[in-house]
Protein backbone atom coordinates (compact mmCIF):
# COMPACT_ATOMS: atom_id res chain seq x y z
CA UNK A 1 68.80 -6.07 139.81
CA UNK A 2 69.45 -6.56 143.49
CA UNK A 3 71.72 -9.16 144.94
CA UNK A 4 68.66 -10.98 146.21
CA UNK A 5 67.10 -11.01 142.75
CA UNK A 6 70.24 -12.50 141.34
CA UNK A 7 70.35 -15.06 144.15
CA UNK A 8 66.74 -16.19 143.47
CA UNK A 9 66.97 -16.11 139.66
CA UNK A 10 63.74 -14.19 139.48
CA UNK A 11 64.63 -10.84 137.87
CA UNK A 12 63.00 -7.93 139.72
CA UNK A 13 60.60 -10.10 141.69
CA UNK A 14 63.18 -12.09 143.66
CA UNK A 15 61.75 -13.08 146.97
CA UNK A 16 61.44 -16.78 147.67
CA UNK A 17 61.25 -16.77 151.41
CA UNK A 18 58.70 -16.53 154.21
CA UNK A 19 56.70 -13.74 152.65
CA UNK A 20 56.96 -13.84 148.87
CA UNK A 21 58.09 -16.16 146.18
CA UNK A 22 57.85 -16.79 142.44
CA UNK A 23 58.09 -20.50 141.75
CA UNK A 24 59.14 -22.02 138.45
CA UNK A 25 62.02 -23.49 136.63
CA UNK A 26 64.35 -20.56 137.27
CA UNK A 27 63.98 -21.01 141.02
CA UNK A 28 64.85 -24.66 140.62
CA UNK A 29 67.93 -24.33 138.38
CA UNK A 30 70.38 -24.91 141.27
CA UNK A 31 68.86 -28.27 142.13
CA UNK A 32 69.46 -31.22 139.68
CA UNK A 33 66.35 -32.92 138.43
CA UNK A 34 67.53 -36.29 139.72
CA UNK A 35 67.86 -34.90 143.21
CA UNK A 36 64.42 -33.36 143.04
CA UNK A 37 62.88 -36.65 141.94
CA UNK A 38 64.26 -38.62 144.92
CA UNK A 39 63.41 -36.08 147.65
CA UNK A 40 62.16 -37.67 150.83
CA UNK A 41 58.52 -37.38 151.74
CA UNK A 42 57.40 -34.78 154.18
CA UNK A 43 55.98 -35.89 157.49
CA UNK A 44 54.01 -33.51 159.71
CA UNK A 45 54.84 -32.00 162.04
CA UNK A 46 58.05 -31.23 160.14
CA UNK A 47 59.76 -29.57 163.13
CA UNK A 48 58.45 -29.82 166.66
CA UNK A 49 58.23 -26.83 168.99
CA UNK A 50 59.08 -24.29 166.35
CA UNK A 51 56.42 -21.57 166.04
CA UNK A 52 56.25 -18.69 163.57
CA UNK A 53 58.28 -20.77 161.14
CA UNK A 54 59.80 -19.18 157.99
CA UNK A 55 61.41 -21.13 155.15
CA UNK A 56 63.79 -19.42 152.78
CA UNK A 57 65.05 -21.27 149.66
CA UNK A 58 68.37 -19.90 148.44
CA UNK A 59 69.67 -20.13 144.84
CA UNK A 60 72.27 -22.72 145.82
CA UNK A 61 69.50 -25.21 146.63
CA UNK A 62 69.59 -24.98 150.40
CA UNK A 63 66.43 -24.57 152.42
CA UNK A 64 66.76 -22.41 155.57
CA UNK A 65 64.30 -22.56 158.43
CA UNK A 66 63.96 -20.30 161.47
CA UNK A 67 61.23 -19.84 164.05
CA UNK A 68 60.35 -19.00 167.64
CA UNK A 69 61.67 -21.37 170.31
CA UNK A 70 59.45 -22.09 173.35
CA UNK A 71 61.86 -20.31 175.67
CA UNK A 72 61.85 -17.16 173.51
CA UNK A 73 65.49 -16.62 174.48
CA UNK A 74 67.51 -17.19 171.31
CA UNK A 75 67.48 -16.92 167.49
CA UNK A 76 68.07 -20.16 165.58
CA UNK A 77 68.69 -21.32 162.05
CA UNK A 78 68.88 -24.69 160.34
CA UNK A 79 69.25 -25.72 156.74
CA UNK A 80 68.88 -28.79 154.55
CA UNK A 81 68.95 -29.80 150.85
CA UNK A 82 65.23 -30.82 151.03
CA UNK A 83 62.23 -29.67 152.91
CA UNK A 84 61.98 -33.08 154.60
CA UNK A 85 65.61 -32.75 155.64
CA UNK A 86 64.74 -29.76 157.80
CA UNK A 87 63.17 -32.10 160.35
CA UNK A 88 66.51 -33.35 161.69
CA UNK A 89 68.98 -30.76 160.34
CA UNK A 90 71.47 -29.42 162.88
CA UNK A 91 70.36 -26.07 164.30
CA UNK A 92 72.69 -23.11 165.02
CA UNK A 93 72.05 -20.49 167.66
CA UNK A 94 72.80 -17.15 165.95
CA UNK A 95 72.13 -14.82 168.88
CA UNK A 96 70.86 -14.90 172.48
CA UNK A 97 68.88 -12.29 174.30
CA UNK A 98 70.92 -9.84 176.38
CA UNK A 99 71.35 -9.87 180.11
CA UNK A 100 69.48 -6.55 180.53
CA UNK A 101 67.85 -3.81 178.50
CA UNK A 102 65.25 -3.75 175.73
CA UNK A 103 66.36 -7.06 174.16
CA UNK A 104 66.75 -9.13 177.41
CA UNK A 105 63.26 -10.66 177.45
CA UNK A 106 61.17 -12.51 174.84
CA UNK A 107 62.52 -12.96 171.30
CA UNK A 108 59.71 -13.61 168.80
CA UNK A 109 59.17 -14.44 165.16
CA UNK A 110 62.55 -14.31 163.48
CA UNK A 111 62.70 -13.95 159.67
CA UNK A 112 65.71 -14.49 157.42
CA UNK A 113 66.18 -12.25 154.39
CA UNK A 114 68.93 -11.64 151.89
CA UNK A 115 69.06 -7.84 151.38
CA UNK A 116 71.50 -6.49 148.78
CA UNK A 117 73.72 -9.56 149.28
CA UNK A 118 73.72 -9.34 153.05
CA UNK A 119 71.97 -11.80 155.37
CA UNK A 120 69.51 -10.02 157.71
CA UNK A 121 67.35 -11.53 160.38
CA UNK A 122 64.36 -9.49 161.64
CA UNK A 123 62.92 -10.35 165.11
CA UNK A 124 60.88 -8.87 167.85
CA UNK A 125 62.12 -8.41 171.41
CA UNK A 126 61.15 -6.99 174.73
CA UNK A 127 62.83 -6.33 178.10
CA UNK A 128 62.91 -8.81 181.01
CA UNK A 129 61.68 -8.00 184.45
CA UNK A 130 58.13 -9.27 184.61
CA UNK A 131 54.80 -7.55 184.40
CA UNK A 132 53.53 -5.64 181.41
CA UNK A 133 57.03 -4.44 180.65
CA UNK A 134 57.96 -7.78 179.06
CA UNK A 135 55.45 -7.00 176.37
CA UNK A 136 57.10 -3.75 175.36
CA UNK A 137 57.86 -5.53 172.08
CA UNK A 138 59.78 -3.75 169.32
CA UNK A 139 61.36 -4.95 166.11
CA UNK A 140 65.15 -5.28 165.61
CA UNK A 141 67.51 -6.95 163.25
CA UNK A 142 70.78 -8.81 163.37
CA UNK A 143 73.15 -9.00 160.37
CA UNK A 144 75.74 -11.61 159.23
CA UNK A 145 79.26 -10.66 158.35
CA UNK A 146 79.76 -13.47 155.83
CA UNK A 147 78.25 -15.24 152.86
CA UNK A 148 77.30 -18.37 154.86
CA UNK A 149 74.64 -17.61 157.53
CA UNK A 150 75.42 -20.90 159.29
CA UNK A 151 79.06 -19.99 159.92
CA UNK A 152 79.22 -16.17 159.80
CA UNK A 153 79.22 -13.89 162.86
CA UNK A 154 75.84 -12.27 163.65
CA UNK A 155 75.62 -8.88 165.41
CA UNK A 156 72.79 -6.44 166.17
CA UNK A 157 72.09 -4.07 163.31
CA UNK A 158 69.58 -1.91 165.12
CA UNK A 159 65.94 -1.19 165.79
CA UNK A 160 63.17 -0.60 163.23
CA UNK A 161 62.15 3.04 163.07
CA UNK A 162 58.35 3.60 162.73
CA UNK A 163 56.19 6.65 163.36
CA UNK A 164 55.05 5.38 166.78
CA UNK A 165 56.98 3.95 169.72
CA UNK A 166 54.44 1.15 170.30
CA UNK A 167 54.13 -2.61 170.25
CA UNK A 168 55.29 -3.94 166.90
CA UNK A 169 56.48 -7.24 165.50
CA UNK A 170 56.39 -9.68 162.55
CA UNK A 171 58.31 -7.60 160.09
CA UNK A 172 58.81 -9.09 156.65
CA UNK A 173 60.58 -7.63 153.58
CA UNK A 174 59.88 -8.22 149.87
CA UNK A 175 60.72 -6.64 146.51
CA UNK A 176 58.09 -5.82 143.94
CA UNK A 177 58.72 -4.05 140.65
CA UNK A 178 62.23 -3.20 141.83
CA UNK A 179 61.14 -1.56 145.06
CA UNK A 180 61.81 -3.18 148.53
CA UNK A 181 58.91 -2.98 150.97
CA UNK A 182 58.39 -3.87 154.66
CA UNK A 183 55.12 -5.25 155.99
CA UNK A 184 54.61 -5.60 159.74
CA UNK A 185 52.09 -5.53 162.65
CA UNK A 186 51.84 -2.63 165.10
CA UNK A 187 49.55 -1.02 167.65
CA UNK A 188 48.68 2.47 166.48
CA UNK A 189 47.81 5.20 169.05
CA UNK A 190 44.14 6.05 168.89
CA UNK A 191 42.99 2.70 167.45
CA UNK A 192 41.54 0.21 169.98
CA UNK A 193 43.25 -2.90 168.74
CA UNK A 194 46.24 -5.02 169.71
CA UNK A 195 47.80 -4.75 166.25
CA UNK A 196 47.06 -3.73 162.69
CA UNK A 197 48.89 -4.43 159.43
CA UNK A 198 51.13 -1.74 157.85
CA UNK A 199 53.23 -1.47 154.65
CA UNK A 200 56.00 0.96 153.60
CA UNK A 201 58.87 1.08 151.17
CA UNK A 202 62.31 0.74 152.79
CA UNK A 203 65.17 3.25 152.60
CA UNK A 204 67.40 0.84 154.59
CA UNK A 205 66.59 -2.47 156.26
CA UNK A 206 65.47 -0.56 159.36
CA UNK A 207 64.26 2.83 158.10
CA UNK A 208 61.14 3.59 156.08
CA UNK A 209 61.18 5.54 152.89
CA UNK A 210 57.62 6.83 153.17
CA UNK A 211 54.74 7.19 155.56
CA UNK A 212 53.26 3.72 156.32
CA UNK A 213 50.01 2.65 154.80
CA UNK A 214 47.57 0.96 157.19
CA UNK A 215 46.26 -1.98 155.18
CA UNK A 216 44.06 -3.79 157.72
CA UNK A 217 42.46 -3.35 161.11
CA UNK A 218 40.87 -6.31 162.91
CA UNK A 219 37.12 -5.70 162.86
CA UNK A 220 35.56 -8.96 161.65
CA UNK A 221 34.24 -11.45 164.20
CA UNK A 222 36.94 -14.08 163.48
CA UNK A 223 39.68 -11.41 163.82
CA UNK A 224 38.85 -10.34 167.34
CA UNK A 225 38.44 -13.57 169.28
CA UNK A 226 40.27 -13.14 172.51
CA UNK A 227 42.32 -10.26 171.12
CA UNK A 228 41.88 -7.80 168.31
CA UNK A 229 44.77 -8.97 166.16
CA UNK A 230 46.09 -8.74 162.65
CA UNK A 231 49.70 -9.87 162.53
CA UNK A 232 52.33 -12.01 160.70
CA UNK A 233 51.88 -10.81 157.09
CA UNK A 234 53.06 -13.16 154.36
CA UNK A 235 53.13 -12.15 150.72
CA UNK A 236 52.54 -14.42 147.72
CA UNK A 237 52.81 -13.15 144.10
CA UNK A 238 50.74 -15.33 141.74
CA UNK A 239 48.47 -14.95 138.73
CA UNK A 240 48.91 -11.17 138.43
CA UNK A 241 48.07 -10.46 142.02
CA UNK A 242 49.63 -10.11 145.45
CA UNK A 243 48.05 -12.11 148.20
CA UNK A 244 48.95 -11.10 151.75
CA UNK A 245 47.92 -13.71 154.26
CA UNK A 246 47.95 -12.74 157.97
CA UNK A 247 47.07 -14.22 161.31
CA UNK A 248 44.09 -13.12 163.47
CA UNK A 249 42.68 -13.49 167.02
CA UNK A 250 44.23 -15.14 170.10
CA UNK A 251 47.01 -17.68 169.70
CA UNK A 252 44.89 -20.64 170.81
CA UNK A 253 42.53 -22.76 168.68
CA UNK A 254 40.82 -19.54 167.48
CA UNK A 255 44.05 -18.43 165.67
CA UNK A 256 43.51 -18.44 161.88
CA UNK A 257 44.57 -16.94 158.59
CA UNK A 258 42.94 -14.11 156.71
CA UNK A 259 44.00 -12.71 153.37
CA UNK A 260 44.30 -9.30 151.61
CA UNK A 261 44.45 -9.23 147.76
CA UNK A 262 45.84 -6.54 145.40
CA UNK A 263 46.44 -6.46 141.68
CA UNK A 264 50.20 -6.71 140.91
CA UNK A 265 50.00 -3.44 138.95
CA UNK A 266 48.12 -1.55 141.67
CA UNK A 267 49.57 1.10 143.95
CA UNK A 268 50.36 -1.07 146.96
CA UNK A 269 50.58 1.94 149.24
CA UNK A 270 46.92 2.79 148.63
CA UNK A 271 44.84 0.84 151.21
CA UNK A 272 41.97 0.90 148.67
CA UNK A 273 44.09 -1.35 146.44
CA UNK A 274 43.67 -4.22 148.89
CA UNK A 275 40.53 -6.29 149.43
CA UNK A 276 40.06 -8.36 152.64
CA UNK A 277 38.64 -11.86 152.63
CA UNK A 278 35.28 -11.89 154.50
CA UNK A 279 36.03 -15.27 156.07
CA UNK A 280 39.22 -17.02 157.27
CA UNK A 281 41.14 -18.71 154.49
CA UNK A 282 42.71 -21.33 156.86
CA UNK A 283 41.49 -22.31 160.28
CA UNK A 284 41.27 -25.07 162.89
CA UNK A 285 40.34 -28.58 161.78
CA UNK A 286 38.92 -30.50 164.74
CA UNK A 287 38.41 -33.54 162.44
CA UNK A 288 42.17 -33.64 161.68
CA UNK A 289 43.20 -32.58 165.24
CA UNK A 290 45.03 -29.47 164.05
CA UNK A 291 44.28 -26.44 166.20
CA UNK A 292 45.13 -22.74 165.76
CA UNK A 293 46.92 -22.79 162.38
CA UNK A 294 48.71 -19.53 161.68
CA UNK A 295 51.83 -17.40 161.29
CA UNK A 296 52.52 -18.83 157.88
CA UNK A 297 55.19 -18.62 155.18
CA UNK A 298 55.42 -19.81 151.60
CA UNK A 299 57.98 -21.93 149.77
CA UNK A 300 58.19 -24.49 146.98
CA UNK A 301 59.25 -28.12 147.15
CA UNK A 302 62.10 -29.62 145.20
CA UNK A 303 59.88 -29.93 142.14
CA UNK A 304 58.58 -26.33 142.32
CA UNK A 305 55.15 -27.09 143.82
CA UNK A 306 53.69 -24.51 146.18
CA UNK A 307 53.94 -25.28 149.90
CA UNK A 308 52.24 -23.53 152.82
CA UNK A 309 54.36 -23.46 155.99
CA UNK A 310 52.57 -22.77 159.26
CA UNK A 311 52.39 -23.66 162.94
CA UNK A 312 49.60 -25.35 164.91
CA UNK A 313 48.98 -27.54 167.90
CA UNK A 314 47.67 -31.10 168.12
CA UNK A 315 45.15 -30.23 170.83
CA UNK A 316 42.69 -27.46 171.72
CA UNK A 317 42.83 -27.37 175.53
CA UNK A 318 45.66 -25.17 176.91
CA UNK A 319 46.51 -24.51 180.54
CA UNK A 320 47.53 -20.91 181.18
CA UNK A 321 48.66 -18.40 178.49
CA UNK A 322 48.76 -20.04 175.08
CA UNK A 323 52.02 -18.21 174.33
CA UNK A 324 53.71 -20.32 177.00
CA UNK A 325 52.37 -23.59 175.69
CA UNK A 326 55.38 -25.02 173.82
CA UNK A 327 53.74 -27.28 171.32
CA UNK A 328 53.17 -25.05 168.30
CA UNK A 329 54.84 -27.23 165.72
CA UNK A 330 55.99 -26.37 162.21
CA UNK A 331 53.82 -27.98 159.55
CA UNK A 332 53.66 -27.93 155.76
CA UNK A 333 51.10 -28.75 153.10
CA UNK A 334 50.49 -28.24 149.41
CA UNK A 335 47.84 -25.94 148.09
CA UNK A 336 46.12 -25.24 144.81
CA UNK A 337 44.50 -22.30 143.02
CA UNK A 338 40.89 -21.61 142.22
CA UNK A 339 39.55 -20.86 138.74
CA UNK A 340 39.87 -17.12 139.51
CA UNK A 341 43.59 -17.50 140.36
CA UNK A 342 43.31 -17.09 144.09
CA UNK A 343 44.99 -19.64 146.42
CA UNK A 344 42.92 -22.36 147.98
CA UNK A 345 44.71 -23.56 151.16
CA UNK A 346 42.08 -26.14 151.99
CA UNK A 347 41.89 -27.67 155.47
CA UNK A 348 44.89 -28.35 157.73
CA UNK A 349 45.90 -31.93 157.07
CA UNK A 350 46.32 -34.48 159.91
CA UNK A 351 49.75 -35.47 161.25
CA UNK A 352 51.66 -38.03 159.29
CA UNK A 353 53.19 -38.40 155.80
CA UNK A 354 52.16 -35.55 153.51
CA UNK A 355 50.46 -36.54 150.25
CA UNK A 356 51.78 -34.72 147.25
CA UNK A 357 49.23 -32.82 145.21
């Protein structure tokens, strides 16, 4: 059993973070029932101006949240005893972009993981200097030297090694059947897309143990609006299957979630094991004034109920590049399961107090 499995109380399927979790009583053992019963209500947006939000629930009962800041210049982390408490929890800056070099420009989409007892944060970075060069985005990681990520010292661990030196971002790690995997988005030479989805087992946090499997290429109409994008994979293990949600199209009101599905006992490295949803599974709700929902993660509330974490804006009209509009806010909502066991995320709910399912 890995350190992370022990931390999450979930045997060999340990991940309860942005990309995979197993909810249930074991995951809640560190939180007294009385405390769970008096948890404050969630109010959307939960955290303003935090895009690409990831929530990690540790075995000690703390919820950790990280995400992209509008300036794209620093990696941040906050924690609280409840999901609602993340709204006004103090935030620590773990690391800032460098003065020059490949990590001196934009910092995108951080993710917190506990890998073999060590806190790791993946993120994407590019160089400063203007022009196309700032989008020379690659994936890196920082690591903490202590048991407490809010007080420990964070330093650069290195760069993710993939077969191609091309645009890549949104790395997430999970463990399934005792094997640790990495899923990420990357532009592959010879394929006319902005990014596709890939999966590989890990040898170390930043090196692959096998040739990547290409799981999805954006080809459907709703995946290629503005840009040909599949990015931000998020893995949910439920009802004997793995559900990998991902984000598609440009980062404006057309941004939406798709989903890949594989049996839990399938060969995850065989692309044929995965089936793509023909339609988006979560998209803009003009009626509720929630636009461009995407870049999601999964967690559970204090009572073990499934929660979808995502970002979206309150408006559709954007001046200039959507990436530089600061108002992608972190939102949360409950979701259910259909009779066939697949998740039903419903429609993005309007701002305000969140009704419990």
